[in-house]
Every structure is written in structure tokens, then in C-alpha cells.
Amino acid sequence: MNQQSAQQTSVRARGKGCGYRLKYEVFAARRALYGIRNAEEIARRGGISVQAVRKVLSGKQPNPQLRTLVAICKALDLRLEDVVEY
């Protein structure tokens, strides 16, 4: 996801009234650092469905369940605070 796309997705998430913004650029940077190219690897590491990972990382699910975010963070060795901005 490029920077402009991440910013547009962030705006969409804020527009939904969820009260926080996901930092998609942090997800992208960590995936690049670890060489993770597909959602399957994140899903396997986090113990969640591939579909859930894809929806969150693409911005199609701008207000994901907390457990989904925690699982993605776990898979990418991130803290929740690293990817959520209030």
C-alpha cells in the first residue's frame, strides 16, 4: 500500500465514527521489514482468518474487533499502541 492509499484509508476509517485511526503505514512497514508478502502468513502467525486480515489491511473493515487487531499486531510483533491513533 503506498502512502497516498494509506492516507485515504485512514480518512475513511475516521469518517466512520470509530474514534480512532489505524496506522496502515506501520503495518506496511513491518510487513516489508519481515518480508511478509501475503495475508496468509499474517493469519497463520496471528491465529485468525485470512479474510479478516485482508479486510483490515485493505481498509475494508475500518472498525475491526479488538481481538482481530491484537492478533495482527502479534503476528507482526507490534503493540496495539503502535498501530492505533486516538
Protein backbone atom coordinates (compact mmCIF):
# COMPACT_ATOMS: atom_id res chain seq x y z
CA MET A 1 0.00 0.00 0.00
CA ASN A 2 1.51 3.32 -0.97
CA GLN A 3 1.48 6.40 1.28
CA GLN A 4 -1.42 8.12 -0.53
CA SER A 5 -3.53 4.99 -0.35
CA ALA A 6 -2.79 4.62 3.37
CA GLN A 7 -3.80 8.22 4.00
CA GLN A 8 -7.06 7.80 2.07
CA THR A 9 -7.84 4.64 4.02
CA SER A 10 -7.12 6.44 7.29
CA VAL A 11 -9.56 9.18 6.35
CA ARG A 12 -12.23 6.60 5.57
CA ALA A 13 -11.74 4.99 8.99
CA ARG A 14 -12.12 8.32 10.77
CA GLY A 15 -15.20 9.09 8.72
CA LYS A 16 -16.95 6.01 10.08
CA GLY A 17 -17.02 7.50 13.58
CA CYS A 18 -14.96 4.78 15.20
CA GLY A 19 -12.97 7.24 17.34
CA TYR A 20 -9.55 6.05 16.28
CA ARG A 21 -7.37 5.80 13.21
CA LEU A 22 -5.41 2.75 12.17
CA LYS A 23 -1.85 3.48 11.08
CA TYR A 24 -1.76 1.36 7.94
CA GLU A 25 1.73 2.62 7.16
CA VAL A 26 3.03 0.87 10.30
CA PHE A 27 1.51 -2.44 9.18
CA ALA A 28 3.08 -1.97 5.73
CA ALA A 29 6.50 -1.09 7.13
CA ARG A 30 6.57 -4.10 9.43
CA ARG A 31 5.46 -6.43 6.64
CA ALA A 32 8.27 -5.09 4.48
CA LEU A 33 10.79 -5.45 7.32
CA TYR A 34 9.86 -9.09 7.89
CA GLY A 35 9.41 -9.85 4.20
CA ILE A 36 5.78 -10.88 4.67
CA ARG A 37 4.08 -10.52 1.30
CA ASN A 38 0.74 -12.21 1.87
CA ALA A 39 -2.16 -12.22 4.29
CA GLU A 40 -1.90 -15.99 4.73
CA GLU A 41 1.34 -15.65 6.69
CA ILE A 42 -0.11 -12.99 8.98
CA ALA A 43 -3.24 -15.07 9.51
CA ARG A 44 -1.18 -18.15 10.36
CA ARG A 45 1.03 -16.25 12.80
CA GLY A 46 -1.92 -14.49 14.44
CA GLY A 47 -4.31 -17.42 14.51
CA ILE A 48 -7.09 -15.62 12.62
CA SER A 49 -8.72 -15.97 9.23
CA VAL A 50 -7.09 -14.77 6.04
CA GLN A 51 -10.29 -12.91 5.21
CA ALA A 52 -10.12 -10.94 8.46
CA VAL A 53 -6.52 -9.93 7.78
CA ARG A 54 -7.30 -8.86 4.23
CA LYS A 55 -10.29 -6.77 5.28
CA VAL A 56 -8.37 -4.91 7.98
CA LEU A 57 -5.20 -4.28 5.98
CA SER A 58 -7.12 -3.15 2.91
CA GLY A 59 -9.25 -0.73 4.93
CA LYS A 60 -12.49 -2.51 4.04
CA GLN A 61 -13.05 -3.14 7.74
CA PRO A 62 -12.22 0.26 9.27
CA ASN A 63 -13.55 -0.65 12.73
CA PRO A 64 -12.24 -4.18 13.35
CA GLN A 65 -12.77 -6.14 16.52
CA LEU A 66 -10.10 -5.64 19.15
CA ARG A 67 -9.12 -9.30 19.10
CA THR A 68 -8.50 -9.09 15.34
CA LEU A 69 -6.21 -6.10 15.75
CA VAL A 70 -4.38 -7.78 18.62
CA ALA A 71 -3.85 -10.91 16.51
CA ILE A 72 -2.47 -8.91 13.57
CA CYS A 73 -0.18 -6.99 15.92
CA LYS A 74 1.01 -10.24 17.47
CA ALA A 75 1.76 -11.67 14.04
CA LEU A 76 3.80 -8.60 13.10
CA ASP A 77 5.47 -8.20 16.51
CA LEU A 78 3.75 -4.86 17.14
CA ARG A 79 1.96 -3.36 20.12
CA LEU A 80 -1.60 -2.13 19.71
CA GLU A 81 -0.37 1.35 20.59
CA ASP A 82 1.93 1.21 17.55
CA VAL A 83 -0.98 0.97 15.10
CA VAL A 84 -3.87 2.87 16.72
CA GLU A 85 -4.09 6.63 16.97
CA TYR A 86 -6.89 8.17 19.02
